[in-house]
Amino acid sequence: DPADNKHQTFDGVFGAIDTFYGRMNLVAWMNLMDYQAIFQVKPAKAVALECNYHYLTLASDADAWYFCNGLPERNGRVGGSGTYLGQEVDLLAKWKVTKNLELFAGYAHFWGGSVVADTPQGRNDADWAFIQFNVQFLIPGQGATSHDSSATLGCGGNRADGGRGHRRRLRQ
């Protein structure tokens, strides 16, 4: 109930939301039902391909749609919009080029549902693609211990969140 000053929405403890709820980061694990199918194949020792499908709905239309950072994308009750957020398909490819170099690329498409369509500045469809290089550096004097460093640069167009998010991220 948005009027009672009590926050009763589940709040997940751990990050890495793009691993579980779609690569586009349009939802958080709050007021969410994610029906998911995953298809994985490894056509060669150094190559892995994956296709993920997400059918996303709100658990309750009396609560908000929460964005990946845990803040409400749409405040209060979504009411007349129903609970259907949309569907997302993620296509991913990983190639272990050498012992210390890995290439990771992906493309995602989101088909917005009734909640997204009824959100101010929301769009029905969204696309996002990325290329990531993971380079493993050995730390001198520590033998087999290694330091992983990766940089991700992605580009998104027509995002369902109204275009607020450029997808640039540097992980150390």
N, C-alpha and C. Protein backbone atom coordinates (compact mmCIF):
# COMPACT_ATOMS: atom_id res chain seq x y z
N ASP A 1 0.84 -1.18 0.00
CA ASP A 1 0.00 0.00 0.00
C ASP A 1 0.89 1.24 0.00
N PRO A 2 0.92 2.04 -1.06
CA PRO A 2 1.78 3.21 -1.14
C PRO A 2 1.46 4.29 -0.10
N ALA A 3 0.29 4.22 0.53
CA ALA A 3 -0.11 5.27 1.47
C ALA A 3 0.17 4.93 2.93
N ASP A 4 0.71 3.74 3.24
CA ASP A 4 0.84 3.36 4.65
C ASP A 4 2.24 3.48 5.23
N ASN A 5 3.21 4.01 4.51
CA ASN A 5 4.59 4.20 4.99
C ASN A 5 5.30 2.89 5.36
N LYS A 6 4.84 1.76 4.87
CA LYS A 6 5.50 0.47 5.10
C LYS A 6 6.02 -0.06 3.78
N HIS A 7 7.30 -0.41 3.76
CA HIS A 7 7.90 -0.99 2.55
C HIS A 7 7.86 -2.50 2.71
N GLN A 8 7.03 -3.17 1.95
CA GLN A 8 6.87 -4.61 2.09
C GLN A 8 7.31 -5.37 0.85
N THR A 9 8.08 -4.74 -0.01
CA THR A 9 8.57 -5.38 -1.23
C THR A 9 9.86 -6.12 -0.93
N PHE A 10 10.01 -7.33 -1.46
CA PHE A 10 11.25 -8.07 -1.31
C PHE A 10 12.40 -7.25 -1.87
N ASP A 11 13.51 -7.19 -1.16
CA ASP A 11 14.69 -6.45 -1.58
C ASP A 11 15.86 -7.42 -1.61
N GLY A 12 16.30 -7.81 -2.79
CA GLY A 12 17.39 -8.77 -2.93
C GLY A 12 18.70 -8.24 -2.37
N VAL A 13 19.51 -9.14 -1.85
CA VAL A 13 20.77 -8.76 -1.21
C VAL A 13 21.91 -8.66 -2.21
N PHE A 14 21.95 -9.54 -3.18
CA PHE A 14 23.11 -9.64 -4.05
C PHE A 14 22.88 -8.95 -5.39
N GLY A 15 23.97 -8.53 -6.02
CA GLY A 15 23.90 -7.86 -7.31
C GLY A 15 23.87 -8.85 -8.46
N ALA A 16 24.55 -8.52 -9.54
CA ALA A 16 24.63 -9.35 -10.75
C ALA A 16 23.26 -9.60 -11.36
N ILE A 17 22.43 -8.57 -11.40
CA ILE A 17 21.07 -8.76 -11.88
C ILE A 17 21.01 -9.09 -13.36
N ASP A 18 21.98 -8.64 -14.15
CA ASP A 18 21.90 -8.94 -15.58
C ASP A 18 22.15 -10.41 -15.88
N THR A 19 22.68 -11.14 -14.92
CA THR A 19 22.90 -12.56 -15.09
C THR A 19 21.59 -13.34 -14.98
N PHE A 20 20.67 -12.85 -14.16
CA PHE A 20 19.47 -13.63 -13.86
C PHE A 20 18.19 -13.12 -14.49
N TYR A 21 18.01 -11.83 -14.65
CA TYR A 21 16.71 -11.27 -15.03
C TYR A 21 16.75 -10.57 -16.37
N GLY A 22 17.64 -10.95 -17.24
CA GLY A 22 17.76 -10.35 -18.56
C GLY A 22 18.95 -9.42 -18.63
N ARG A 23 19.67 -9.47 -19.72
CA ARG A 23 20.89 -8.68 -19.90
C ARG A 23 20.64 -7.18 -20.03
N MET A 24 19.41 -6.79 -20.30
CA MET A 24 19.13 -5.37 -20.53
C MET A 24 18.97 -4.57 -19.24
N ASN A 25 18.92 -5.26 -18.11
CA ASN A 25 18.80 -4.59 -16.80
C ASN A 25 17.58 -3.69 -16.70
N LEU A 26 16.44 -4.17 -17.14
CA LEU A 26 15.21 -3.38 -17.07
C LEU A 26 14.40 -3.68 -15.83
N VAL A 27 14.78 -4.70 -15.07
CA VAL A 27 14.02 -5.08 -13.88
C VAL A 27 14.95 -5.46 -12.74
N ALA A 28 14.43 -5.37 -11.53
CA ALA A 28 15.13 -5.87 -10.34
C ALA A 28 14.28 -7.00 -9.75
N TRP A 29 14.87 -7.76 -8.87
CA TRP A 29 14.16 -8.87 -8.24
C TRP A 29 13.29 -8.34 -7.11
N MET A 30 12.38 -7.47 -7.48
CA MET A 30 11.44 -6.86 -6.54
C MET A 30 10.09 -6.80 -7.25
N ASN A 31 9.08 -7.39 -6.65
CA ASN A 31 7.74 -7.44 -7.26
C ASN A 31 7.82 -8.03 -8.67
N LEU A 32 8.59 -9.08 -8.83
CA LEU A 32 8.86 -9.63 -10.16
C LEU A 32 8.57 -11.13 -10.22
N MET A 33 7.97 -11.53 -11.32
CA MET A 33 7.85 -12.95 -11.68
C MET A 33 8.57 -13.08 -13.02
N ASP A 34 9.61 -13.91 -13.07
CA ASP A 34 10.39 -14.11 -14.28
C ASP A 34 10.33 -15.58 -14.67
N TYR A 35 9.56 -15.88 -15.71
CA TYR A 35 9.49 -17.23 -16.25
C TYR A 35 10.57 -17.30 -17.32
N GLN A 36 11.52 -18.22 -17.15
CA GLN A 36 12.73 -18.19 -17.95
C GLN A 36 13.02 -19.54 -18.59
N ALA A 37 13.52 -19.50 -19.81
CA ALA A 37 14.00 -20.70 -20.50
C ALA A 37 15.41 -20.39 -20.99
N ILE A 38 16.32 -21.36 -20.83
CA ILE A 38 17.71 -21.17 -21.23
C ILE A 38 18.12 -22.33 -22.13
N PHE A 39 18.74 -21.98 -23.25
CA PHE A 39 19.29 -22.98 -24.17
C PHE A 39 20.78 -22.70 -24.30
N GLN A 40 21.62 -23.70 -23.99
CA GLN A 40 23.07 -23.54 -24.08
C GLN A 40 23.65 -24.65 -24.95
N VAL A 41 24.64 -24.27 -25.74
CA VAL A 41 25.33 -25.25 -26.57
C VAL A 41 26.81 -24.86 -26.63
N LYS A 42 27.67 -25.87 -26.70
CA LYS A 42 29.10 -25.63 -26.80
C LYS A 42 29.59 -26.34 -28.07
N PRO A 43 29.56 -25.63 -29.23
CA PRO A 43 29.92 -26.27 -30.50
C PRO A 43 31.40 -26.59 -30.64
N ALA A 44 32.24 -25.95 -29.85
CA ALA A 44 33.68 -26.21 -29.86
C ALA A 44 34.20 -26.01 -28.43
N LYS A 45 35.38 -26.53 -28.16
CA LYS A 45 35.93 -26.44 -26.81
C LYS A 45 36.04 -24.99 -26.32
N ALA A 46 36.36 -24.08 -27.21
CA ALA A 46 36.59 -22.68 -26.83
C ALA A 46 35.38 -21.77 -27.09
N VAL A 47 34.26 -22.33 -27.55
CA VAL A 47 33.10 -21.50 -27.92
C VAL A 47 31.85 -21.97 -27.17
N ALA A 48 31.13 -21.02 -26.59
CA ALA A 48 29.86 -21.32 -25.92
C ALA A 48 28.80 -20.35 -26.43
N LEU A 49 27.62 -20.88 -26.75
CA LEU A 49 26.50 -20.07 -27.23
C LEU A 49 25.33 -20.26 -26.28
N GLU A 50 24.55 -19.19 -26.10
CA GLU A 50 23.43 -19.27 -25.17
C GLU A 50 22.29 -18.39 -25.66
N CYS A 51 21.07 -18.87 -25.47
CA CYS A 51 19.87 -18.10 -25.76
C CYS A 51 18.99 -18.15 -24.51
N ASN A 52 18.65 -16.99 -23.98
CA ASN A 52 17.79 -16.89 -22.80
C ASN A 52 16.49 -16.21 -23.17
N TYR A 53 15.39 -16.73 -22.66
CA TYR A 53 14.08 -16.13 -22.87
C TYR A 53 13.47 -15.80 -21.51
N HIS A 54 12.95 -14.59 -21.37
CA HIS A 54 12.32 -14.15 -20.12
C HIS A 54 10.90 -13.66 -20.41
N TYR A 55 9.94 -14.18 -19.68
CA TYR A 55 8.57 -13.67 -19.70
C TYR A 55 8.37 -13.00 -18.35
N LEU A 56 8.28 -11.66 -18.35
CA LEU A 56 8.32 -10.87 -17.12
C LEU A 56 6.96 -10.29 -16.76
N THR A 57 6.54 -10.52 -15.53
CA THR A 57 5.31 -9.92 -15.02
C THR A 57 5.58 -9.38 -13.62
N LEU A 58 4.74 -8.47 -13.18
CA LEU A 58 4.79 -8.02 -11.80
C LEU A 58 4.10 -9.06 -10.93
N ALA A 59 4.60 -9.25 -9.71
CA ALA A 59 3.94 -10.17 -8.79
C ALA A 59 2.62 -9.58 -8.30
N SER A 60 2.55 -8.25 -8.20
CA SER A 60 1.34 -7.58 -7.74
C SER A 60 1.17 -6.25 -8.45
N ASP A 61 -0.05 -5.96 -8.88
CA ASP A 61 -0.29 -4.65 -9.50
C ASP A 61 -0.51 -3.56 -8.46
N ALA A 62 -0.45 -3.93 -7.17
CA ALA A 62 -0.56 -2.94 -6.09
C ALA A 62 0.81 -2.40 -5.69
N ASP A 63 1.87 -2.86 -6.34
CA ASP A 63 3.24 -2.41 -6.05
C ASP A 63 3.82 -1.82 -7.33
N ALA A 64 5.05 -1.33 -7.25
CA ALA A 64 5.70 -0.66 -8.37
C ALA A 64 6.44 -1.65 -9.27
N TRP A 65 6.83 -1.15 -10.45
CA TRP A 65 7.81 -1.82 -11.31
C TRP A 65 9.15 -1.24 -10.90
N TYR A 66 10.09 -2.08 -10.46
CA TYR A 66 11.39 -1.62 -9.98
C TYR A 66 12.45 -1.82 -11.05
N PHE A 67 13.24 -0.77 -11.26
CA PHE A 67 14.34 -0.79 -12.22
C PHE A 67 15.51 -1.54 -11.61
N CYS A 68 16.56 -1.83 -12.37
CA CYS A 68 17.68 -2.65 -11.93
C CYS A 68 18.41 -2.10 -10.72
N ASN A 69 18.35 -0.80 -10.47
CA ASN A 69 19.03 -0.23 -9.31
C ASN A 69 18.17 -0.27 -8.05
N GLY A 70 16.99 -0.88 -8.13
CA GLY A 70 16.12 -1.02 -6.98
C GLY A 70 15.15 0.13 -6.78
N LEU A 71 15.26 1.17 -7.60
CA LEU A 71 14.33 2.29 -7.50
C LEU A 71 13.11 2.03 -8.36
N PRO A 72 11.95 2.53 -7.95
CA PRO A 72 10.75 2.31 -8.75
C PRO A 72 10.86 2.97 -10.12
N GLU A 73 10.67 2.20 -11.18
CA GLU A 73 10.61 2.76 -12.53
C GLU A 73 9.26 3.44 -12.71
N ARG A 74 8.31 2.90 -12.04
CA ARG A 74 6.96 3.44 -12.09
C ARG A 74 6.42 3.43 -10.67
N ASN A 75 6.26 4.60 -10.06
CA ASN A 75 5.85 4.69 -8.66
C ASN A 75 4.44 4.19 -8.42
N GLY A 76 4.25 3.74 -7.18
CA GLY A 76 2.91 3.39 -6.72
C GLY A 76 2.28 2.24 -7.45
N ARG A 77 0.99 2.23 -7.42
CA ARG A 77 0.23 1.14 -8.03
C ARG A 77 0.24 1.28 -9.55
N VAL A 78 0.39 0.16 -10.22
CA VAL A 78 0.29 0.19 -11.67
C VAL A 78 -1.15 -0.05 -12.11
N GLY A 79 -1.96 -0.51 -11.17
CA GLY A 79 -3.41 -0.62 -11.34
C GLY A 79 -3.91 -1.08 -12.68
N GLY A 80 -4.54 -0.18 -13.44
CA GLY A 80 -5.18 -0.51 -14.70
C GLY A 80 -4.25 -1.03 -15.77
N SER A 81 -2.95 -0.96 -15.56
CA SER A 81 -2.00 -1.44 -16.56
C SER A 81 -1.83 -2.95 -16.52
N GLY A 82 -2.37 -3.60 -15.50
CA GLY A 82 -2.18 -5.03 -15.36
C GLY A 82 -0.83 -5.34 -14.75
N THR A 83 -0.31 -6.52 -15.03
CA THR A 83 0.97 -6.93 -14.45
C THR A 83 2.00 -7.34 -15.51
N TYR A 84 1.65 -7.32 -16.78
CA TYR A 84 2.53 -7.81 -17.83
C TYR A 84 3.60 -6.78 -18.20
N LEU A 85 4.87 -7.07 -17.84
CA LEU A 85 5.99 -6.19 -18.17
C LEU A 85 6.47 -6.39 -19.60
N GLY A 86 6.64 -7.63 -20.02
CA GLY A 86 7.10 -7.88 -21.38
C GLY A 86 7.92 -9.16 -21.48
N GLN A 87 8.58 -9.32 -22.63
CA GLN A 87 9.41 -10.48 -22.90
C GLN A 87 10.78 -10.02 -23.38
N GLU A 88 11.80 -10.75 -22.99
CA GLU A 88 13.16 -10.43 -23.43
C GLU A 88 13.84 -11.69 -23.94
N VAL A 89 14.57 -11.54 -25.04
CA VAL A 89 15.40 -12.62 -25.57
C VAL A 89 16.84 -12.11 -25.58
N ASP A 90 17.74 -12.90 -25.01
CA ASP A 90 19.17 -12.58 -24.97
C ASP A 90 19.93 -13.64 -25.76
N LEU A 91 20.77 -13.21 -26.71
CA LEU A 91 21.63 -14.10 -27.48
C LEU A 91 23.07 -13.79 -27.07
N LEU A 92 23.79 -14.79 -26.58
CA LEU A 92 25.13 -14.59 -26.04
C LEU A 92 26.12 -15.55 -26.68
N ALA A 93 27.35 -15.07 -26.89
CA ALA A 93 28.43 -15.90 -27.42
C ALA A 93 29.70 -15.61 -26.65
N LYS A 94 30.40 -16.67 -26.27
CA LYS A 94 31.66 -16.53 -25.54
C LYS A 94 32.72 -17.35 -26.25
N TRP A 95 33.88 -16.73 -26.50
CA TRP A 95 34.96 -17.40 -27.20
C TRP A 95 36.24 -17.22 -26.40
N LYS A 96 36.84 -18.32 -25.97
CA LYS A 96 38.12 -18.30 -25.26
C LYS A 96 39.21 -18.28 -26.32
N VAL A 97 39.69 -17.07 -26.66
CA VAL A 97 40.65 -16.88 -27.75
C VAL A 97 42.00 -17.49 -27.39
N THR A 98 42.50 -17.16 -26.21
CA THR A 98 43.74 -17.72 -25.68
C THR A 98 43.53 -18.02 -24.20
N LYS A 99 44.57 -18.51 -23.56
CA LYS A 99 44.49 -18.81 -22.13
C LYS A 99 44.11 -17.58 -21.31
N ASN A 100 44.55 -16.41 -21.75
CA ASN A 100 44.34 -15.18 -20.99
C ASN A 100 43.37 -14.19 -21.63
N LEU A 101 42.76 -14.54 -22.75
CA LEU A 101 41.86 -13.61 -23.44
C LEU A 101 40.55 -14.29 -23.82
N GLU A 102 39.46 -13.64 -23.45
CA GLU A 102 38.13 -14.15 -23.76
C GLU A 102 37.29 -13.03 -24.37
N LEU A 103 36.55 -13.36 -25.42
CA LEU A 103 35.65 -12.42 -26.07
C LEU A 103 34.22 -12.84 -25.74
N PHE A 104 33.42 -11.87 -25.31
CA PHE A 104 32.04 -12.13 -24.92
C PHE A 104 31.17 -11.09 -25.63
N ALA A 105 30.17 -11.54 -26.37
CA ALA A 105 29.30 -10.62 -27.11
C ALA A 105 27.86 -11.04 -26.94
N GLY A 106 26.97 -10.07 -27.06
CA GLY A 106 25.56 -10.40 -26.92
C GLY A 106 24.65 -9.37 -27.54
N TYR A 107 23.43 -9.81 -27.77
CA TYR A 107 22.38 -8.95 -28.29
C TYR A 107 21.11 -9.31 -27.52
N ALA A 108 20.32 -8.29 -27.19
CA ALA A 108 19.06 -8.52 -26.48
C ALA A 108 17.96 -7.68 -27.11
N HIS A 109 16.77 -8.25 -27.13
CA HIS A 109 15.59 -7.51 -27.59
C HIS A 109 14.49 -7.67 -26.54
N PHE A 110 13.80 -6.56 -26.25
CA PHE A 110 12.72 -6.54 -25.28
C PHE A 110 11.44 -6.09 -25.96
N TRP A 111 10.37 -6.86 -25.76
CA TRP A 111 9.04 -6.49 -26.24
C TRP A 111 8.25 -6.05 -25.02
N GLY A 112 7.96 -4.77 -24.92
CA GLY A 112 7.27 -4.23 -23.76
C GLY A 112 5.82 -4.67 -23.68
N GLY A 113 5.36 -4.86 -22.45
CA GLY A 113 3.98 -5.25 -22.21
C GLY A 113 3.13 -4.06 -21.79
N SER A 114 1.99 -4.33 -21.21
CA SER A 114 1.03 -3.29 -20.86
C SER A 114 1.56 -2.31 -19.82
N VAL A 115 2.35 -2.77 -18.86
CA VAL A 115 2.91 -1.87 -17.84
C VAL A 115 3.89 -0.90 -18.48
N VAL A 116 4.74 -1.39 -19.37
CA VAL A 116 5.73 -0.54 -20.04
C VAL A 116 5.03 0.47 -20.95
N ALA A 117 4.04 0.02 -21.70
CA ALA A 117 3.33 0.90 -22.63
C ALA A 117 2.61 2.03 -21.91
N ASP A 118 2.19 1.78 -20.67
CA ASP A 118 1.43 2.76 -19.90
C ASP A 118 2.34 3.61 -19.00
N THR A 119 3.66 3.52 -19.18
CA THR A 119 4.61 4.29 -18.39
C THR A 119 5.02 5.53 -19.16
N PRO A 120 4.98 6.71 -18.50
CA PRO A 120 5.40 7.94 -19.21
C PRO A 120 6.80 7.78 -19.81
N GLN A 121 6.97 8.20 -21.02
CA GLN A 121 8.22 8.11 -21.78
C GLN A 121 8.67 6.67 -22.03
N GLY A 122 7.80 5.71 -21.77
CA GLY A 122 8.15 4.32 -22.02
C GLY A 122 7.98 3.99 -23.49
N ARG A 123 8.69 2.99 -23.95
CA ARG A 123 8.59 2.52 -25.33
C ARG A 123 8.24 1.04 -25.28
N ASN A 124 7.63 0.57 -26.31
CA ASN A 124 7.22 -0.83 -26.31
C ASN A 124 8.39 -1.78 -26.54
N ASP A 125 9.31 -1.44 -27.43
CA ASP A 125 10.43 -2.33 -27.74
C ASP A 125 11.75 -1.66 -27.39
N ALA A 126 12.75 -2.49 -27.16
CA ALA A 126 14.09 -1.98 -26.88
C ALA A 126 15.11 -2.98 -27.39
N ASP A 127 16.28 -2.49 -27.81
CA ASP A 127 17.38 -3.32 -28.28
C ASP A 127 18.65 -2.92 -27.55
N TRP A 128 19.54 -3.88 -27.36
CA TRP A 128 20.81 -3.60 -26.72
C TRP A 128 21.83 -4.64 -27.19
N ALA A 129 23.05 -4.20 -27.44
CA ALA A 129 24.12 -5.11 -27.85
C ALA A 129 25.40 -4.73 -27.11
N PHE A 130 26.29 -5.70 -26.94
CA PHE A 130 27.56 -5.41 -26.27
C PHE A 130 28.65 -6.33 -26.79
N ILE A 131 29.88 -5.85 -26.63
CA ILE A 131 31.08 -6.65 -26.87
C ILE A 131 31.96 -6.44 -25.65
N GLN A 132 32.48 -7.52 -25.12
CA GLN A 132 33.30 -7.45 -23.91
C GLN A 132 34.55 -8.29 -24.11
N PHE A 133 35.68 -7.75 -23.69
CA PHE A 133 36.93 -8.49 -23.71
C PHE A 133 37.34 -8.72 -22.26
N ASN A 134 37.62 -9.95 -21.90
CA ASN A 134 38.13 -10.28 -20.57
C ASN A 134 39.59 -10.67 -20.72
N VAL A 135 40.44 -9.94 -20.04
CA VAL A 135 41.88 -10.21 -20.08
C VAL A 135 42.32 -10.59 -18.68
N GLN A 136 43.03 -11.70 -18.58
CA GLN A 136 43.51 -12.17 -17.29
C GLN A 136 45.00 -11.85 -17.19
N PHE A 137 45.36 -11.12 -16.17
CA PHE A 137 46.75 -10.75 -15.93
C PHE A 137 47.27 -11.54 -14.74
N LEU A 138 48.45 -12.10 -14.88
CA LEU A 138 49.08 -12.77 -13.76
C LEU A 138 49.82 -11.75 -12.91
N ILE A 139 49.69 -11.87 -11.61
CA ILE A 139 50.38 -10.96 -10.70
C ILE A 139 51.74 -11.56 -10.38
N PRO A 140 52.82 -10.83 -10.69
CA PRO A 140 54.16 -11.36 -10.44
C PRO A 140 54.36 -11.74 -8.97
N GLY A 141 55.02 -12.86 -8.76
CA GLY A 141 55.34 -13.29 -7.41
C GLY A 141 54.22 -14.04 -6.71
N GLN A 142 53.08 -14.21 -7.37
CA GLN A 142 51.98 -14.91 -6.71
C GLN A 142 51.63 -16.21 -7.42
N GLY A 143 52.50 -16.69 -8.25
CA GLY A 143 52.31 -17.97 -8.92
C GLY A 143 51.04 -18.02 -9.75
N ALA A 144 50.16 -18.97 -9.41
CA ALA A 144 48.96 -19.20 -10.21
C ALA A 144 47.84 -18.20 -9.91
N THR A 145 48.04 -17.35 -8.92
CA THR A 145 47.01 -16.36 -8.61
C THR A 145 46.92 -15.37 -9.76
N SER A 146 45.74 -14.98 -10.09
CA SER A 146 45.57 -14.06 -11.21
C SER A 146 44.58 -12.96 -10.86
N HIS A 147 44.61 -11.93 -11.65
CA HIS A 147 43.69 -10.80 -11.51
C HIS A 147 42.90 -10.71 -12.79
N ASP A 148 41.58 -10.74 -12.67
CA ASP A 148 40.72 -10.61 -13.84
C ASP A 148 40.34 -9.16 -14.02
N SER A 149 40.44 -8.68 -15.22
CA SER A 149 40.03 -7.32 -15.52
C SER A 149 39.21 -7.36 -16.79
N SER A 150 38.10 -6.66 -16.79
CA SER A 150 37.29 -6.64 -18.01
C SER A 150 36.67 -5.27 -18.19
N ALA A 151 36.43 -4.94 -19.41
CA ALA A 151 35.75 -3.68 -19.74
C ALA A 151 34.58 -4.02 -20.65
N THR A 152 33.46 -3.39 -20.40
CA THR A 152 32.28 -3.63 -21.22
C THR A 152 31.82 -2.31 -21.81
N LEU A 153 31.58 -2.30 -23.09
CA LEU A 153 31.00 -1.13 -23.73
C LEU A 153 29.80 -1.62 -24.52
N GLY A 154 28.67 -1.10 -24.19
CA GLY A 154 27.46 -1.53 -24.88
C GLY A 154 26.75 -0.32 -25.45
N CYS A 155 25.86 -0.57 -26.38
CA CYS A 155 25.08 0.53 -26.92
C CYS A 155 23.63 0.11 -26.95
N GLY A 156 22.78 0.99 -26.51
CA GLY A 156 21.36 0.68 -26.48
C GLY A 156 20.58 1.73 -27.24
N GLY A 157 19.58 1.33 -27.93
CA GLY A 157 18.70 2.27 -28.62
C GLY A 157 17.27 1.93 -28.30
N ASN A 158 16.43 2.93 -28.22
CA ASN A 158 15.02 2.71 -27.94
C ASN A 158 14.81 1.87 -26.70
N ARG A 159 15.49 2.24 -25.63
CA ARG A 159 15.35 1.48 -24.39
C ARG A 159 13.95 1.65 -23.83
N ALA A 160 13.45 0.62 -23.21
CA ALA A 160 12.11 0.65 -22.64
C ALA A 160 12.04 1.57 -21.43
N ASP A 161 13.19 1.98 -20.88
CA ASP A 161 13.17 2.87 -19.72
C ASP A 161 13.15 4.34 -20.14
N GLY A 162 12.85 4.63 -21.39
CA GLY A 162 12.77 6.01 -21.85
C GLY A 162 14.11 6.58 -22.25
N GLY A 163 15.13 5.75 -22.39
CA GLY A 163 16.43 6.20 -22.88
C GLY A 163 17.34 6.76 -21.81
N ARG A 164 17.01 6.54 -20.52
CA ARG A 164 17.83 7.11 -19.46
C ARG A 164 19.17 6.42 -19.31
N GLY A 165 19.32 5.20 -19.75
CA GLY A 165 20.55 4.49 -19.43
C GLY A 165 21.46 4.29 -20.60
N HIS A 166 22.61 4.92 -20.64
CA HIS A 166 23.65 4.47 -21.57
C HIS A 166 24.28 3.33 -20.84
N ARG A 167 24.71 2.38 -21.52
CA ARG A 167 25.21 1.20 -20.91
C ARG A 167 26.72 1.22 -21.02
N ARG A 168 27.38 1.88 -20.15
CA ARG A 168 28.85 1.86 -20.11
C ARG A 168 29.25 1.43 -18.73
N ARG A 169 30.12 0.46 -18.67
CA ARG A 169 30.46 -0.06 -17.37
C ARG A 169 31.91 -0.53 -17.43
N LEU A 170 32.66 -0.23 -16.40
CA LEU A 170 34.03 -0.71 -16.29
C LEU A 170 34.12 -1.50 -15.00
N ARG A 171 34.51 -2.75 -15.10
CA ARG A 171 34.62 -3.59 -13.91
C ARG A 171 36.09 -3.90 -13.67
N GLN A 172 36.50 -3.82 -12.45
CA GLN A 172 37.86 -4.20 -12.06
C GLN A 172 37.80 -5.32 -11.06
